[in-house]
Amino acid sequence: MKNTENNKKLFHRYLDDLYTTEEANQLLNDLLNPNNYKLLNKLSLDIWNEAATQQPLTALEREQYKREARQLLKHIEHKKRIWSHRIAAVVASTVAIICLITGGFHYLKHLNEQQIIYLEASTSYGERKQILLPDGTQLTLNSCSHIRYPNSFIENERRIELEGEGYFQVHRNEEQPFIINTRHFDVRVLGTSFDVKAYSSDEIVSVEVESGKVQVDLPEAMMRIQAKEQVFINTVSGEYSKHRDEHPVAIWKKGGLRFNSTPIRDVAKELERMYNCRITFDEGQFNNLISGEHDNKSLESVLQSIEYTSGIRYKKDGNRILLHK
C-alpha cells in the first residue's frame, strides 16, 4: 500500500472486472495485511468522498454505485475464502505429510517386526559349530545344543534362546543388552566372553565368565559374576553357589572335559554327547560326585579314570556302556 493512488485505481479496476491475476493478488495481500489497516481506511474514505462529490443525478446511477459496492464486497469475500481455503489446504497438506511420515515410520517399523525371521542352529553328538550372530557376536555351540535367534536385533535388546551349551564372545553394545534365555535362568551382558551350560536334562547348570561381567537372573534371585568366576545351579534343589576358578573357560572347545563335583549321571550325559555313546546304570544307588580334568582323552581313558577315582566300573559293548558297582 505504498502507492495509495495506484491502489485506488486497482479498486476501480476490480469493480469493473478489468484486473489481472497479479493485480488481484496484490490487492488481496494488502487487504489481509494488518499493517495496512490505516491506509485502507483512508483509501475507503477517499473513494467515498469521490462518490459523494459526483452527486449522482438519477436513481439508475445510485443503483449502479450500490451494485459496484456489492460487487467489490463480493469479490473481496470471495478472495478471502479462496485465500483461507488455500491456507487451510496448506495446513492440511502439512499435517497430512507429517502424519504420513510418522505413520510411515511406525508402519515400516511394524513391517520390519513382521518380517523378522527366527533362525535356528543345532549340533548333534560329538559336533561343535561356529555361529556368527546378526550383531557380530561369535558363538561356539557345543554338542547336542540348540539356539534360536532373530535375523536382526531391532528392539532395545538382543535376545536369544539356548538349550545346551555355548561359548559366547558378545559384541559390546551398551544401548542394547545381550540376553540369553535358558530353561532355568537368564544371562544378561553388555559385551564379554563367557560359557553357558544349560542342558535341560542336567541336574547342574552353570555360567563361567572369561572376561567382563555377567548378570545371572534366577526366578527368585539375581547375581553378578566377573572374570574367573563361575556359578553352579542345582535345578533339583534350587541351590546355587559361586566360585572362583583360574582354569581356562570352555575347554570342551578343544576336546577337553572338566568335572567339578559333578553328579555321575550328569557326567554320563556329557560323555554321551561328546562321544556319541549310550550309557546306562545297573541297579543300585549312584550318588557319586566326580571331579577331574581330561584333555583330548578317549572314551576308554575317561571311563578308566572314573573307575579309578570313584570305584564305579564299566562294561563296554561297541558304543554301549554299562556302569555298575
Protein backbone atom coordinates (compact mmCIF):
# COMPACT_ATOMS: atom_id res chain seq x y z
CA MET A 1 0.00 0.00 0.00
CA LYS A 2 2.90 2.34 -0.59
CA ASN A 3 1.13 3.95 -3.54
CA THR A 4 -2.36 4.98 -2.42
CA GLU A 5 -3.34 6.45 -5.78
CA ASN A 6 -2.35 3.30 -7.60
CA ASN A 7 -4.40 1.18 -5.22
CA LYS A 8 -7.35 3.48 -5.76
CA LYS A 9 -7.13 2.58 -9.43
CA LEU A 10 -6.91 -1.08 -8.50
CA PHE A 11 -10.17 -0.76 -6.59
CA HIS A 12 -11.89 0.71 -9.60
CA ARG A 13 -10.41 -1.88 -11.96
CA TYR A 14 -11.58 -4.57 -9.52
CA LEU A 15 -15.10 -3.21 -9.67
CA ASP A 16 -15.08 -3.22 -13.43
CA ASP A 17 -13.55 -6.71 -13.72
CA LEU A 18 -10.59 -5.21 -15.60
CA TYR A 19 -7.83 -6.55 -13.37
CA THR A 20 -5.06 -9.08 -13.91
CA THR A 21 -4.30 -12.03 -11.66
CA GLU A 22 -1.19 -10.28 -10.42
CA GLU A 23 -3.19 -7.15 -9.53
CA ALA A 24 -5.85 -9.17 -7.72
CA ASN A 25 -3.22 -10.99 -5.67
CA GLN A 26 -1.56 -7.70 -4.81
CA LEU A 27 -4.83 -6.14 -3.65
CA LEU A 28 -5.82 -9.22 -1.66
CA ASN A 29 -2.46 -9.35 0.08
CA ASP A 30 -2.82 -5.70 1.00
CA LEU A 31 -6.29 -6.28 2.39
CA LEU A 32 -5.09 -9.15 4.57
CA ASN A 33 -2.04 -7.34 5.90
CA PRO A 34 -2.79 -5.84 9.37
CA ASN A 35 -0.13 -3.18 8.82
CA ASN A 36 -2.25 -1.65 6.07
CA TYR A 37 -5.46 -1.12 8.01
CA LYS A 38 -4.98 2.67 8.44
CA LEU A 39 -4.15 3.12 4.77
CA LEU A 40 -7.15 1.01 3.77
CA ASN A 41 -9.41 3.19 5.90
CA LYS A 42 -8.01 6.31 4.24
CA LEU A 43 -8.41 4.79 0.80
CA SER A 44 -12.02 3.84 1.56
CA LEU A 45 -12.73 7.36 2.81
CA ASP A 46 -11.21 8.90 -0.33
CA ILE A 47 -13.35 6.71 -2.58
CA TRP A 48 -16.42 7.56 -0.51
CA ASN A 49 -15.71 11.28 -0.78
CA GLU A 50 -15.19 10.97 -4.51
CA ALA A 51 -18.51 9.25 -4.80
CA ALA A 52 -20.21 11.96 -2.70
CA THR A 53 -18.88 14.83 -4.84
CA GLN A 54 -20.15 13.27 -8.01
CA GLN A 55 -23.77 13.71 -6.85
CA PRO A 56 -25.50 11.05 -8.95
CA LEU A 57 -28.50 12.66 -10.63
CA THR A 58 -30.63 9.64 -11.22
CA ALA A 59 -31.81 6.61 -9.33
CA LEU A 60 -30.16 4.49 -12.02
CA GLU A 61 -26.76 5.91 -11.15
CA ARG A 62 -27.34 5.38 -7.44
CA GLU A 63 -28.24 1.74 -8.14
CA GLN A 64 -25.10 1.45 -10.24
CA TYR A 65 -22.93 2.62 -7.33
CA LYS A 66 -24.70 0.22 -5.00
CA ARG A 67 -24.14 -2.59 -7.47
CA GLU A 68 -20.44 -1.75 -7.70
CA ALA A 69 -20.12 -1.65 -3.91
CA ARG A 70 -21.82 -5.02 -3.56
CA GLN A 71 -19.61 -6.38 -6.33
CA LEU A 72 -16.49 -5.15 -4.57
CA LEU A 73 -17.52 -6.72 -1.27
CA LYS A 74 -18.46 -9.92 -3.04
CA HIS A 75 -15.07 -10.14 -4.77
CA ILE A 76 -13.21 -9.35 -1.58
CA GLU A 77 -15.10 -12.01 0.41
CA HIS A 78 -14.62 -14.49 -2.43
CA LYS A 79 -10.88 -13.89 -2.48
CA LYS A 80 -10.71 -14.14 1.29
CA ARG A 81 -12.44 -17.52 1.16
CA ILE A 82 -10.07 -18.71 -1.55
CA TRP A 83 -7.12 -17.45 0.46
CA SER A 84 -8.44 -19.13 3.64
CA HIS A 85 -9.08 -22.35 1.75
CA ARG A 86 -5.56 -22.25 0.35
CA ILE A 87 -4.12 -21.70 3.83
CA ALA A 88 -6.30 -24.49 5.19
CA ALA A 89 -5.23 -26.71 2.31
CA VAL A 90 -1.56 -25.97 3.01
CA VAL A 91 -2.03 -26.66 6.72
CA ALA A 92 -3.97 -29.83 5.95
CA SER A 93 -1.30 -30.91 3.48
CA THR A 94 1.43 -30.24 6.04
CA VAL A 95 -0.44 -32.21 8.70
CA ALA A 96 -1.05 -34.98 6.18
CA ILE A 97 2.65 -35.09 5.31
CA ILE A 98 3.59 -35.23 9.00
CA CYS A 99 1.04 -37.97 9.55
CA LEU A 100 2.32 -39.84 6.53
CA ILE A 101 5.90 -39.55 7.73
CA THR A 102 5.03 -40.56 11.30
CA GLY A 103 2.62 -43.24 10.20
CA GLY A 104 5.06 -44.44 7.59
CA PHE A 105 7.79 -44.72 10.19
CA HIS A 106 5.60 -46.79 12.50
CA TYR A 107 4.33 -48.81 9.56
CA LEU A 108 7.86 -49.56 8.39
CA LYS A 109 8.79 -50.49 11.94
CA HIS A 110 5.73 -52.75 12.05
CA LEU A 111 6.74 -54.29 8.71
CA ASN A 112 10.26 -54.85 9.99
CA GLU A 113 8.87 -56.53 13.08
CA GLN A 114 6.57 -58.64 10.94
CA GLN A 115 9.43 -59.56 8.63
CA ILE A 116 11.74 -60.74 11.42
CA ILE A 117 12.71 -64.31 10.74
CA TYR A 118 13.85 -66.55 13.56
CA LEU A 119 16.80 -68.73 12.71
CA GLU A 120 17.81 -71.94 14.44
CA ALA A 121 21.01 -73.90 14.67
CA SER A 122 21.69 -77.27 16.27
CA THR A 123 24.53 -79.67 16.85
CA SER A 124 24.49 -83.44 17.10
CA TYR A 125 26.56 -85.90 19.14
CA GLY A 126 30.25 -85.06 19.12
CA GLU A 127 29.64 -81.99 16.95
CA ARG A 128 30.61 -78.36 17.58
CA LYS A 129 29.59 -75.42 15.43
CA GLN A 130 30.72 -71.81 14.95
CA ILE A 131 27.90 -69.27 14.53
CA LEU A 132 28.07 -65.54 13.81
CA LEU A 133 25.01 -63.74 15.16
CA PRO A 134 23.48 -60.67 13.41
CA ASP A 135 25.15 -58.19 15.81
CA GLY A 136 28.63 -59.63 15.32
CA THR A 137 28.57 -61.84 18.42
CA GLN A 138 30.56 -65.05 17.96
CA LEU A 139 29.16 -68.28 19.35
CA THR A 140 30.61 -71.76 19.60
CA LEU A 141 27.83 -74.28 20.11
CA ASN A 142 28.70 -77.46 21.97
CA SER A 143 27.40 -80.97 21.21
CA CYS A 144 23.65 -81.65 21.31
CA SER A 145 22.80 -77.98 21.67
CA HIS A 146 20.21 -75.74 20.07
CA ILE A 147 19.95 -71.99 19.59
CA ARG A 148 17.13 -69.79 18.30
CA TYR A 149 17.70 -66.13 17.36
CA PRO A 150 16.22 -63.41 15.10
CA ASN A 151 17.83 -62.49 11.82
CA SER A 152 18.00 -58.89 13.06
CA PHE A 153 18.09 -57.26 16.50
CA ILE A 154 15.80 -54.22 16.08
CA GLU A 155 14.45 -53.79 19.60
CA ASN A 156 16.25 -52.30 22.63
CA GLU A 157 17.74 -55.69 23.47
CA ARG A 158 19.37 -58.66 21.78
CA ARG A 159 17.52 -61.74 22.98
CA ILE A 160 18.22 -65.35 22.01
CA GLU A 161 17.22 -68.80 23.32
CA LEU A 162 19.67 -71.53 24.22
CA GLU A 163 19.22 -75.20 25.03
CA GLY A 164 22.54 -76.86 25.77
CA GLU A 165 25.95 -75.23 25.99
CA GLY A 166 27.57 -72.36 24.18
CA TYR A 167 30.66 -70.18 24.45
CA PHE A 168 29.87 -66.53 23.67
CA GLN A 169 32.03 -63.62 22.65
CA VAL A 170 29.42 -60.90 22.74
CA HIS A 171 29.84 -57.79 20.59
CA ARG A 172 29.68 -54.87 23.02
CA ASN A 173 26.67 -52.56 22.81
CA GLU A 174 25.74 -50.71 26.00
CA GLU A 175 22.49 -49.46 24.44
CA GLN A 176 21.30 -52.97 23.57
CA PRO A 177 21.93 -55.64 26.24
CA PHE A 178 22.50 -59.20 25.10
CA ILE A 179 20.16 -61.66 26.83
CA ILE A 180 20.27 -65.46 26.75
CA ASN A 181 17.09 -67.25 27.77
CA THR A 182 17.51 -70.78 29.11
CA ARG A 183 15.02 -73.07 30.80
CA HIS A 184 16.32 -72.36 34.34
CA PHE A 185 17.87 -68.88 34.19
CA ASP A 186 18.66 -65.88 32.01
CA VAL A 187 22.05 -64.33 31.33
CA ARG A 188 22.34 -60.60 30.66
CA VAL A 189 25.53 -58.94 29.38
CA LEU A 190 26.66 -55.84 27.51
CA GLY A 191 29.78 -57.30 25.96
CA THR A 192 32.01 -60.06 27.32
CA SER A 193 33.24 -63.65 26.89
CA PHE A 194 31.65 -66.47 28.86
CA ASP A 195 30.31 -70.01 28.77
CA VAL A 196 26.71 -71.05 29.45
CA LYS A 197 25.91 -74.66 30.18
CA ALA A 198 22.16 -75.17 30.38
CA TYR A 199 21.11 -78.63 29.23
CA SER A 200 17.53 -79.15 30.40
CA SER A 201 18.28 -82.81 31.23
CA ASP A 202 21.21 -82.00 33.56
CA GLU A 203 20.91 -81.62 37.30
CA ILE A 204 23.68 -78.99 37.46
CA VAL A 205 23.77 -76.00 35.09
CA SER A 206 26.39 -73.26 35.12
CA VAL A 207 27.76 -69.95 33.86
CA GLU A 208 31.51 -69.36 33.65
CA VAL A 209 32.99 -65.94 32.82
CA GLU A 210 36.23 -65.45 30.92
CA SER A 211 36.24 -61.63 30.68
CA GLY A 212 34.00 -58.77 31.71
CA LYS A 213 30.90 -59.13 33.89
CA VAL A 214 27.73 -61.18 33.59
CA GLN A 215 24.37 -60.95 35.34
CA VAL A 216 22.52 -64.18 36.02
CA ASP A 217 18.78 -63.85 36.66
CA LEU A 218 17.10 -66.70 38.51
CA PRO A 219 13.37 -66.96 39.26
CA GLU A 220 13.91 -65.72 42.82
CA ALA A 221 17.43 -64.30 42.81
CA MET A 222 19.98 -62.34 40.83
CA MET A 223 23.75 -62.45 40.95
CA ARG A 224 26.66 -60.87 39.13
CA ILE A 225 29.85 -62.71 38.33
CA GLN A 226 33.06 -61.45 36.79
CA ALA A 227 36.14 -62.83 35.08
CA LYS A 228 37.48 -66.11 36.53
CA GLU A 229 34.25 -66.73 38.41
CA GLN A 230 31.56 -69.34 37.84
CA VAL A 231 28.16 -70.08 39.28
CA PHE A 232 26.61 -73.53 39.65
CA ILE A 233 22.85 -74.00 39.94
CA ASN A 234 21.22 -77.21 41.12
CA THR A 235 17.97 -77.49 39.16
CA VAL A 236 16.59 -80.10 41.56
CA SER A 237 17.17 -78.42 44.92
CA GLY A 238 17.25 -74.84 43.66
CA GLU A 239 20.56 -74.20 45.44
CA TYR A 240 23.31 -72.19 43.79
CA SER A 241 26.91 -71.33 44.58
CA LYS A 242 29.60 -69.05 43.21
CA HIS A 243 33.26 -69.98 42.95
CA ARG A 244 36.49 -68.54 41.65
CA ASP A 245 38.29 -70.69 39.10
CA GLU A 246 41.59 -69.89 37.40
CA HIS A 247 41.24 -72.68 34.83
CA PRO A 248 40.62 -71.81 31.17
CA VAL A 249 36.97 -71.41 30.23
CA ALA A 250 35.17 -73.86 27.92
CA ILE A 251 37.94 -76.41 27.46
CA TRP A 252 35.39 -78.51 25.57
CA LYS A 253 36.12 -76.31 22.52
CA LYS A 254 39.44 -78.16 22.21
CA GLY A 255 38.03 -81.55 23.07
CA GLY A 256 38.67 -81.39 26.82
CA LEU A 257 36.45 -82.35 29.76
CA ARG A 258 36.32 -80.91 33.27
CA PHE A 259 34.19 -82.13 36.15
CA ASN A 260 33.87 -80.24 39.42
CA SER A 261 31.88 -82.29 41.95
CA THR A 262 29.58 -83.21 39.06
CA PRO A 263 26.88 -85.84 39.70
CA ILE A 264 27.79 -89.10 37.97
CA ARG A 265 24.58 -89.08 35.95
CA ASP A 266 25.44 -85.64 34.53
CA VAL A 267 28.91 -86.98 33.73
CA ALA A 268 27.33 -89.86 31.83
CA LYS A 269 25.16 -87.47 29.80
CA GLU A 270 28.18 -85.36 28.92
CA LEU A 271 30.10 -88.42 27.78
CA GLU A 272 27.14 -89.46 25.63
CA ARG A 273 27.03 -86.03 23.96
CA MET A 274 30.76 -85.89 23.32
CA TYR A 275 31.46 -89.50 22.30
CA ASN A 276 28.09 -90.43 20.76
CA CYS A 277 27.65 -93.39 23.04
CA ARG A 278 24.84 -94.80 25.17
CA ILE A 279 25.42 -95.13 28.93
CA THR A 280 23.10 -96.99 31.29
CA PHE A 281 23.31 -97.68 35.02
CA ASP A 282 22.99 -101.01 36.78
CA GLU A 283 20.61 -101.33 39.68
CA GLY A 284 21.56 -99.54 42.86
CA GLN A 285 22.27 -96.01 44.05
CA PHE A 286 24.76 -93.88 42.11
CA ASN A 287 25.21 -90.66 44.08
CA ASN A 288 28.91 -90.20 43.32
CA LEU A 289 30.29 -86.74 42.59
CA ILE A 290 33.07 -86.73 40.00
CA SER A 291 35.96 -84.24 39.78
CA GLY A 292 38.82 -84.17 37.32
CA GLU A 293 40.05 -82.81 34.01
CA HIS A 294 40.69 -84.74 30.82
CA ASP A 295 42.44 -83.29 27.78
CA ASN A 296 41.62 -84.93 24.45
CA LYS A 297 41.30 -88.35 26.05
CA SER A 298 39.49 -91.29 24.50
CA LEU A 299 36.23 -92.51 26.00
CA GLU A 300 38.03 -95.58 27.31
CA SER A 301 40.58 -93.42 29.10
CA VAL A 302 37.92 -91.27 30.73
CA LEU A 303 35.97 -94.34 31.90
CA GLN A 304 39.14 -95.83 33.39
CA SER A 305 39.83 -92.59 35.23
CA ILE A 306 36.28 -92.52 36.65
CA GLU A 307 36.65 -96.14 37.74
CA TYR A 308 39.92 -95.35 39.48
CA THR A 309 38.61 -92.31 41.42
CA SER A 310 35.06 -93.45 42.22
CA GLY A 311 35.07 -97.24 42.18
CA ILE A 312 32.32 -97.29 39.53
CA ARG A 313 33.12 -99.96 36.98
CA TYR A 314 32.07 -100.15 33.37
CA LYS A 315 31.36 -102.71 30.68
CA LYS A 316 31.72 -101.62 27.08
CA ASP A 317 29.99 -103.22 24.13
CA GLY A 318 30.53 -101.19 20.98
CA ASN A 319 29.07 -97.77 21.74
CA ARG A 320 27.04 -99.06 24.68
CA ILE A 321 28.42 -98.75 28.21
CA LEU A 322 27.00 -100.15 31.41
CA LEU A 323 28.11 -98.56 34.69
CA HIS A 324 27.93 -100.75 37.77
CA LYS A 325 29.42 -101.16 41.22
